[in-house]
Amino acid sequence: MVFDIEKRDNLSFARAGVLHTEHGDIHTPIFMPVGTIGSVKGVFHRDLKNDTKAQIILGNTYHLYLRPGSQLINKVKGLHNFINWDKPILTDSGGFQVFSLSTNRKITEEGCTFRSHIDGSKHIFTPENNVDVQRAIGADIIMALDECTPGTADYNYAKKSMERTHRWLDRCIKRFKETQPLYGYKQFFFPIIQGCVYPELRKIAAEIIGEKEMDGVAIGGLSVGEPTEKMYEMLDTLAPLLPQDKPHYLMGVGTPANILEGIAKGVDMFDCVMPTRNGRNGMLFTWEGTINIKNKCWADDFSLLDPNGTSFVDCTYSKSYLRHLFIAGEMLGAEIASYHNLAFYLDLVTKAREHILQGDFYQWKEEVVKKVSRKIQ
């Protein structure tokens, strides 16, 4: 993978770069809307590309494997064709989803045995067949199968889990190298750094994964129950240790403030369900802070959703109207809120990139974190 770094921030580990794939360039830092089963909930692909300016979306191997199934996706020559999306796609390996099943999965040296949340059928992910499934899905960037430990795990459990993840990684890499992409374009492979909230484990994982010299590096096992301060501590620990010529991906994170702090700590790529999930429940992220649009105070507020926003919905709908849709149970309300939040997240990383290139990112970030962390009403 070619990753060109255009500018580094003088006061932090932030950098602006371009990640090149055969489905298009990705300008970093970047937020990836989550399209778990091949759809970003409530938003047309047309609007993702043309209005919110999404450059890459994320799919999930666990969910796509169960339905529609990798064999069906293979028949149409990959997920890009199946969902009619011509920009890059990244697939998570599904390790986090299997971890989340708790009572319906068993982790052994061979892999993860689990029961489908859909019909209870039994399946297994091994490092080898997980790579095969992601080859069939056809994502531009595929992830290693890992064990995601909870943020409350004790040291011994976290250490054993990390060591198993590294043994699985060796098998993933072997499988990746002995197989080829199925649809005529390159696929890239990212290992995942685990180690829970223990700096010494994170350091070991960073060293081992750095030696693998794969296409990028992902940081997993954060924002899974640990305090935010611990997450930042782990990112501070890793920032000087990660390979500086590779893209860094922080998985499943997070709030606007988390993303800005992550950028300052050297992260290039983010994904999170928060924009759409919180949007469906009436929470709006804005440049002045978060809004619960269902609160009565917005009933006669006819101002636009976010005067500083740049998307179609920000320039079209009022807070009063959006509140009305939520109170009435109209599905359009959830769609507008999701659309707005995704546009805000993508605007946030775009502005961060601009300030890195201008040379004033750190000062800008300090001011913006204060604003976006506020709860308005």
Protein backbone atom coordinates (compact mmCIF):
# COMPACT_ATOMS: atom_id res chain seq x y z
CA MET A 1 0.00 0.00 0.00
CA VAL A 2 1.25 3.45 -0.90
CA PHE A 3 0.65 5.99 1.88
CA ASP A 4 1.97 9.48 1.17
CA ILE A 5 2.33 11.80 4.16
CA GLU A 6 1.87 15.40 3.07
CA LYS A 7 2.35 17.26 6.36
CA ARG A 8 3.08 16.51 10.02
CA ASP A 9 1.92 18.69 12.89
CA ASN A 10 4.72 20.27 14.93
CA LEU A 11 2.97 20.02 18.30
CA SER A 12 1.45 16.55 18.09
CA PHE A 13 1.60 13.27 16.16
CA ALA A 14 -1.12 14.43 13.73
CA ARG A 15 -0.43 14.08 10.05
CA ALA A 16 -2.24 14.63 6.75
CA GLY A 17 -1.79 11.95 4.12
CA VAL A 18 -3.17 10.18 1.08
CA LEU A 19 -3.82 6.44 1.05
CA HIS A 20 -3.95 5.06 -2.49
CA THR A 21 -6.26 2.19 -3.46
CA GLU A 22 -7.51 0.99 -6.82
CA HIS A 23 -11.01 2.23 -5.96
CA GLY A 24 -9.72 5.74 -5.27
CA ASP A 25 -7.51 7.82 -3.01
CA ILE A 26 -8.39 8.34 0.65
CA HIS A 27 -7.32 11.67 2.15
CA THR A 28 -6.48 11.30 5.81
CA PRO A 29 -7.41 11.82 8.56
CA ILE A 30 -10.64 10.13 7.52
CA PHE A 31 -13.86 8.90 9.12
CA MET A 32 -15.42 5.76 7.63
CA PRO A 33 -19.22 5.49 7.82
CA VAL A 34 -20.23 2.05 9.07
CA GLY A 35 -22.12 -0.01 6.49
CA THR A 36 -22.23 -3.21 8.53
CA ILE A 37 -24.29 -5.34 6.12
CA GLY A 38 -23.61 -3.32 2.99
CA SER A 39 -25.72 -0.27 3.88
CA VAL A 40 -25.09 2.84 5.96
CA LYS A 41 -28.38 2.98 7.85
CA GLY A 42 -30.82 5.51 6.47
CA VAL A 43 -28.49 7.15 3.93
CA PHE A 44 -28.32 6.66 0.15
CA HIS A 45 -24.89 5.88 -1.32
CA ARG A 46 -25.49 8.78 -3.70
CA ASP A 47 -25.68 11.19 -0.77
CA LEU A 48 -22.71 9.63 1.01
CA LYS A 49 -20.53 10.31 -2.02
CA ASN A 50 -21.92 13.58 -3.31
CA ASP A 51 -22.92 15.48 -0.16
CA THR A 52 -21.24 14.08 2.95
CA LYS A 53 -18.10 13.37 0.86
CA ALA A 54 -17.50 9.86 2.24
CA GLN A 55 -14.33 8.43 0.69
CA ILE A 56 -14.54 4.91 2.14
CA ILE A 57 -17.13 2.86 4.01
CA LEU A 58 -16.80 -0.09 6.35
CA GLY A 59 -18.48 -3.50 6.16
CA ASN A 60 -18.44 -6.28 8.71
CA THR A 61 -17.26 -9.79 7.91
CA TYR A 62 -19.35 -11.48 10.61
CA HIS A 63 -22.61 -9.96 9.40
CA LEU A 64 -21.90 -10.24 5.66
CA TYR A 65 -20.81 -13.87 6.12
CA LEU A 66 -24.15 -14.72 7.75
CA ARG A 67 -26.23 -12.76 5.25
CA PRO A 68 -26.31 -12.44 2.36
CA GLY A 69 -23.32 -14.80 2.56
CA SER A 70 -19.88 -14.57 0.98
CA GLN A 71 -20.84 -17.13 -1.70
CA LEU A 72 -23.63 -14.89 -2.97
CA ILE A 73 -21.32 -11.84 -2.90
CA ASN A 74 -18.77 -13.87 -4.86
CA LYS A 75 -21.37 -14.56 -7.58
CA VAL A 76 -21.62 -10.84 -8.32
CA LYS A 77 -17.84 -10.41 -8.06
CA GLY A 78 -17.62 -8.60 -4.78
CA LEU A 79 -19.35 -6.25 -2.41
CA HIS A 80 -18.64 -3.17 -4.53
CA ASN A 81 -20.82 -4.58 -7.30
CA PHE A 82 -23.45 -5.99 -4.94
CA ILE A 83 -24.12 -2.62 -3.26
CA ASN A 84 -23.18 -0.42 -6.25
CA TRP A 85 -20.39 1.45 -4.41
CA ASP A 86 -17.35 2.37 -6.50
CA LYS A 87 -15.15 3.80 -3.72
CA PRO A 88 -12.94 1.89 -1.26
CA ILE A 89 -14.33 -0.52 1.34
CA LEU A 90 -12.73 -1.82 4.54
CA THR A 91 -13.98 -4.97 6.26
CA ASP A 92 -13.52 -5.70 9.94
CA SER A 93 -12.78 -9.37 10.55
CA GLY A 94 -15.75 -9.78 12.88
CA GLY A 95 -13.64 -10.45 15.95
CA PHE A 96 -15.42 -7.76 17.95
CA GLN A 97 -18.86 -9.05 16.95
CA VAL A 98 -17.95 -12.59 17.99
CA PHE A 99 -16.59 -11.19 21.29
CA SER A 100 -19.94 -9.42 21.79
CA LEU A 101 -21.87 -12.70 21.52
CA SER A 102 -20.41 -13.73 24.94
CA THR A 103 -22.66 -16.69 25.81
CA ASN A 104 -22.92 -17.89 22.19
CA ARG A 105 -19.25 -18.28 21.30
CA LYS A 106 -16.17 -20.25 22.30
CA ILE A 107 -12.60 -19.13 21.61
CA THR A 108 -9.90 -21.79 21.18
CA GLU A 109 -6.50 -21.97 19.54
CA GLU A 110 -8.17 -23.12 16.33
CA GLY A 111 -10.44 -20.07 16.11
CA CYS A 112 -13.83 -18.71 17.20
CA THR A 113 -16.82 -21.05 17.28
CA PHE A 114 -20.08 -19.14 17.50
CA ARG A 115 -23.80 -19.39 16.99
CA SER A 116 -25.56 -17.04 14.61
CA HIS A 117 -27.60 -14.31 16.28
CA ILE A 118 -30.09 -14.81 13.41
CA ASP A 119 -31.01 -18.50 13.58
CA GLY A 120 -28.70 -20.09 16.15
CA SER A 121 -26.73 -22.07 13.54
CA LYS A 122 -23.17 -23.02 14.46
CA HIS A 123 -20.12 -21.59 12.63
CA ILE A 124 -16.39 -21.18 13.08
CA PHE A 125 -13.98 -18.44 12.08
CA THR A 126 -10.38 -19.56 11.79
CA PRO A 127 -7.60 -17.20 10.73
CA GLU A 128 -7.54 -19.00 7.39
CA ASN A 129 -11.22 -19.06 6.49
CA ASN A 130 -11.66 -15.51 7.78
CA VAL A 131 -9.13 -14.30 5.20
CA ASP A 132 -10.93 -16.40 2.56
CA VAL A 133 -14.28 -14.80 3.41
CA GLN A 134 -12.80 -11.30 3.19
CA ARG A 135 -11.18 -12.19 -0.14
CA ALA A 136 -14.65 -13.21 -1.37
CA ILE A 137 -16.28 -10.04 -0.02
CA GLY A 138 -13.64 -8.12 -1.94
CA ALA A 139 -12.84 -5.24 0.42
CA ASP A 140 -9.88 -3.04 -0.47
CA ILE A 141 -8.60 -3.29 3.12
CA ILE A 142 -9.09 -6.44 5.17
CA MET A 143 -8.36 -7.00 8.84
CA ALA A 144 -6.72 -9.79 10.78
CA LEU A 145 -8.85 -12.06 12.94
CA ASP A 146 -8.22 -11.06 16.56
CA GLU A 147 -9.62 -11.62 20.02
CA CYS A 148 -11.08 -8.42 21.40
CA THR A 149 -10.70 -8.36 25.17
CA PRO A 150 -13.08 -6.29 27.33
CA GLY A 151 -11.68 -3.10 28.84
CA THR A 152 -12.05 -4.62 32.31
CA ALA A 153 -9.93 -7.74 31.61
CA ASP A 154 -7.17 -8.53 34.11
CA TYR A 155 -3.53 -8.55 33.06
CA ASN A 156 -3.12 -12.31 32.74
CA TYR A 157 -6.23 -12.71 30.60
CA ALA A 158 -5.23 -9.76 28.41
CA LYS A 159 -1.71 -11.18 27.96
CA LYS A 160 -2.95 -14.65 26.95
CA SER A 161 -5.51 -13.12 24.61
CA MET A 162 -2.89 -10.89 22.97
CA GLU A 163 -0.51 -13.82 22.49
CA ARG A 164 -3.29 -15.87 20.86
CA THR A 165 -4.08 -12.92 18.59
CA HIS A 166 -0.43 -12.89 17.50
CA ARG A 167 -0.44 -16.62 16.76
CA TRP A 168 -3.62 -16.15 14.75
CA LEU A 169 -1.96 -13.23 12.97
CA ASP A 170 0.86 -15.43 11.70
CA ARG A 171 -1.72 -17.80 10.23
CA CYS A 172 -3.69 -14.90 8.72
CA ILE A 173 -0.59 -13.49 7.06
CA LYS A 174 0.40 -16.90 5.70
CA ARG A 175 -3.08 -17.36 4.21
CA PHE A 176 -3.15 -13.82 2.82
CA LYS A 177 0.21 -14.30 1.11
CA GLU A 178 -0.62 -17.69 -0.38
CA THR A 179 -3.94 -16.49 -1.86
CA GLN A 180 -4.77 -13.83 -4.44
CA PRO A 181 -7.50 -11.19 -4.81
CA LEU A 182 -10.51 -12.55 -6.69
CA TYR A 183 -11.71 -9.54 -8.65
CA GLY A 184 -8.68 -8.00 -10.34
CA TYR A 185 -7.69 -5.30 -7.86
CA LYS A 186 -5.29 -5.28 -4.92
CA GLN A 187 -6.37 -5.96 -1.38
CA PHE A 188 -4.40 -4.73 1.62
CA PHE A 189 -4.02 -6.33 5.05
CA PHE A 190 -3.93 -4.67 8.49
CA PRO A 191 -2.90 -6.51 11.70
CA ILE A 192 -4.56 -5.38 14.94
CA ILE A 193 -2.75 -4.26 18.09
CA GLN A 194 -4.40 -5.58 21.25
CA GLY A 195 -3.25 -5.49 24.90
CA CYS A 196 -6.24 -4.04 26.74
CA VAL A 197 -5.32 -1.13 29.09
CA TYR A 198 -1.79 -2.37 29.88
CA PRO A 199 0.97 -0.17 28.39
CA GLU A 200 3.57 -2.94 28.50
CA LEU A 201 1.30 -5.27 26.50
CA ARG A 202 0.52 -2.56 23.97
CA LYS A 203 4.25 -1.95 23.54
CA ILE A 204 4.91 -5.64 22.94
CA ALA A 205 2.08 -5.84 20.43
CA ALA A 206 3.28 -2.73 18.58
CA GLU A 207 6.78 -4.16 18.27
CA ILE A 208 5.61 -7.59 17.06
CA ILE A 209 3.14 -6.16 14.55
CA GLY A 210 5.62 -3.57 13.32
CA GLU A 211 8.02 -6.39 12.44
CA LYS A 212 5.39 -7.99 10.19
CA GLU A 213 5.68 -5.04 7.76
CA MET A 214 2.12 -5.31 6.50
CA ASP A 215 0.17 -2.55 4.76
CA GLY A 216 -1.13 -0.68 7.79
CA VAL A 217 -1.72 -0.98 11.53
CA ALA A 218 -5.01 -1.10 13.43
CA ILE A 219 -5.53 -0.42 17.12
CA GLY A 220 -8.27 -2.59 18.59
CA GLY A 221 -9.73 -3.27 22.01
CA LEU A 222 -10.36 0.35 22.96
CA SER A 223 -13.69 2.00 23.68
CA VAL A 224 -14.90 -1.38 24.97
CA GLY A 225 -15.63 -0.40 28.56
CA GLU A 226 -12.43 1.25 29.75
CA PRO A 227 -12.41 4.92 30.90
CA THR A 228 -11.68 7.48 28.19
CA GLU A 229 -8.51 8.51 30.02
CA LYS A 230 -7.20 4.94 29.69
CA MET A 231 -7.90 4.96 25.97
CA TYR A 232 -5.91 8.17 25.59
CA GLU A 233 -3.11 6.70 27.69
CA MET A 234 -2.88 3.68 25.37
CA LEU A 235 -2.82 5.95 22.30
CA ASP A 236 -0.07 8.08 23.90
CA THR A 237 1.90 4.90 24.57
CA LEU A 238 1.56 3.71 20.97
CA ALA A 239 2.02 7.01 19.10
CA PRO A 240 5.86 6.96 18.99
CA LEU A 241 6.01 3.18 18.46
CA LEU A 242 3.81 2.75 15.39
CA PRO A 243 5.48 2.52 11.97
CA GLN A 244 5.46 6.12 10.78
CA ASP A 245 5.18 5.27 7.07
CA LYS A 246 1.97 3.23 7.48
CA PRO A 247 -1.65 4.30 8.02
CA HIS A 248 -2.93 3.94 11.60
CA TYR A 249 -6.55 2.88 12.15
CA LEU A 250 -8.34 3.22 15.52
CA MET A 251 -11.24 0.80 15.48
CA GLY A 252 -14.73 1.70 16.69
CA VAL A 253 -13.96 5.19 18.05
CA GLY A 254 -15.80 7.39 18.81
CA THR A 255 -17.15 10.84 19.86
CA PRO A 256 -16.05 13.98 17.98
CA ALA A 257 -13.68 14.81 20.86
CA ASN A 258 -12.27 11.23 20.77
CA ILE A 259 -11.58 11.60 17.05
CA LEU A 260 -9.79 14.93 17.39
CA GLU A 261 -7.66 13.65 20.28
CA GLY A 262 -6.97 10.48 18.30
CA ILE A 263 -5.75 12.52 15.33
CA ALA A 264 -3.41 14.39 17.66
CA LYS A 265 -2.08 11.02 18.82
CA GLY A 266 -1.21 9.87 15.31
CA VAL A 267 -4.40 8.12 14.15
CA ASP A 268 -5.35 8.43 10.47
CA MET A 269 -8.54 6.36 10.15
CA PHE A 270 -11.66 6.05 12.32
CA ASP A 271 -15.03 4.30 12.23
CA CYS A 272 -17.95 4.30 14.64
CA VAL A 273 -21.70 3.60 14.63
CA MET A 274 -22.30 6.63 16.84
CA PRO A 275 -23.34 9.12 14.11
CA THR A 276 -26.16 6.92 12.82
CA ARG A 277 -27.07 5.08 16.04
CA ASN A 278 -27.28 8.26 18.10
CA GLY A 279 -28.95 10.05 15.21
CA ARG A 280 -31.74 7.47 15.14
CA ASN A 281 -32.32 8.28 18.81
CA GLY A 282 -32.48 12.03 18.30
CA MET A 283 -28.94 13.13 19.21
CA LEU A 284 -27.31 15.63 16.86
CA PHE A 285 -23.60 16.41 16.84
CA THR A 286 -22.94 20.04 15.94
CA TRP A 287 -20.02 22.48 15.94
CA GLU A 288 -21.41 23.99 19.15
CA GLY A 289 -22.06 20.73 21.00
CA THR A 290 -24.60 17.89 21.16
CA ILE A 291 -28.36 18.40 20.95
CA ASN A 292 -31.22 16.13 21.99
CA ILE A 293 -33.65 17.20 19.29
CA LYS A 294 -36.57 15.55 21.11
CA ASN A 295 -36.39 18.09 23.97
CA LYS A 296 -39.31 20.53 24.15
CA CYS A 297 -37.03 23.58 23.91
CA TRP A 298 -36.65 22.95 20.16
CA ALA A 299 -40.41 22.88 19.46
CA ASP A 300 -40.53 26.47 18.18
CA ASP A 301 -36.87 26.88 17.17
CA PHE A 302 -36.99 27.53 13.45
CA SER A 303 -33.22 27.94 13.01
CA LEU A 304 -31.38 25.49 10.77
CA LEU A 305 -30.02 22.26 12.24
CA ASP A 306 -26.44 23.55 12.28
CA PRO A 307 -25.70 27.04 10.90
CA ASN A 308 -22.06 25.99 10.53
CA GLY A 309 -22.89 22.71 8.77
CA THR A 310 -22.26 22.12 5.09
CA SER A 311 -24.64 19.31 4.15
CA PHE A 312 -27.93 19.45 2.28
CA VAL A 313 -30.01 18.75 5.40
CA ASP A 314 -28.21 21.45 7.43
CA CYS A 315 -29.20 24.03 4.83
CA THR A 316 -32.80 22.76 4.47
CA TYR A 317 -34.46 21.69 7.73
CA SER A 318 -35.15 23.48 11.00
CA LYS A 319 -34.77 22.12 14.52
CA SER A 320 -38.51 22.56 15.04
CA TYR A 321 -39.35 20.44 12.00
CA LEU A 322 -36.90 17.68 12.92
CA ARG A 323 -38.28 17.54 16.47
CA HIS A 324 -41.78 17.28 15.02
CA LEU A 325 -40.72 14.26 12.93
CA PHE A 326 -39.27 12.48 15.98
CA ILE A 327 -42.26 13.20 18.20
CA ALA A 328 -44.57 11.95 15.43
CA GLY A 329 -42.52 8.77 14.97
CA GLU A 330 -41.81 9.60 11.32
CA MET A 331 -38.87 7.60 9.91
CA LEU A 332 -37.65 10.64 7.98
CA GLY A 333 -36.57 12.14 11.31
CA ALA A 334 -34.06 9.36 11.94
CA GLU A 335 -32.85 9.60 8.36
CA ILE A 336 -32.25 13.36 8.53
CA ALA A 337 -30.47 13.09 11.90
CA SER A 338 -28.24 10.25 10.67
CA TYR A 339 -27.44 12.16 7.48
CA HIS A 340 -26.59 15.29 9.47
CA ASN A 341 -24.34 13.43 11.92
CA LEU A 342 -22.38 11.66 9.18
CA ALA A 343 -21.91 14.95 7.35
CA PHE A 344 -20.67 16.53 10.58
CA TYR A 345 -18.18 13.74 11.29
CA LEU A 346 -16.78 13.92 7.76
CA ASP A 347 -16.62 17.71 7.92
CA LEU A 348 -14.79 17.40 11.25
CA VAL A 349 -11.97 15.26 9.83
CA THR A 350 -11.84 17.41 6.68
CA LYS A 351 -11.34 20.54 8.79
CA ALA A 352 -8.73 18.73 10.90
CA ARG A 353 -6.84 17.85 7.72
CA GLU A 354 -7.00 21.45 6.52
CA HIS A 355 -5.55 22.72 9.80
CA ILE A 356 -2.76 20.14 9.75
CA LEU A 357 -1.82 21.37 6.28
CA GLN A 358 -2.03 24.99 7.47
CA GLY A 359 0.21 24.26 10.46
CA ASP A 360 -2.19 25.28 13.24
CA PHE A 361 -3.93 21.98 13.98
CA TYR A 362 -3.08 21.67 17.68
CA GLN A 363 -4.34 25.14 18.62
CA TRP A 364 -7.50 24.61 16.55
CA LYS A 365 -8.09 21.18 18.07
CA GLU A 366 -7.86 22.50 21.63
CA GLU A 367 -10.64 25.02 20.96
CA VAL A 368 -12.90 22.70 19.00
CA VAL A 369 -12.72 19.85 21.57
CA LYS A 370 -14.19 22.21 24.17
CA LYS A 371 -17.11 23.12 21.90
CA VAL A 372 -18.03 19.68 20.59
CA SER A 373 -17.86 18.19 24.12
CA ARG A 374 -20.67 20.43 25.38
CA LYS A 375 -24.23 19.24 25.84
CA ILE A 376 -26.51 22.06 24.73
CA GLN A 377 -29.98 20.74 25.64
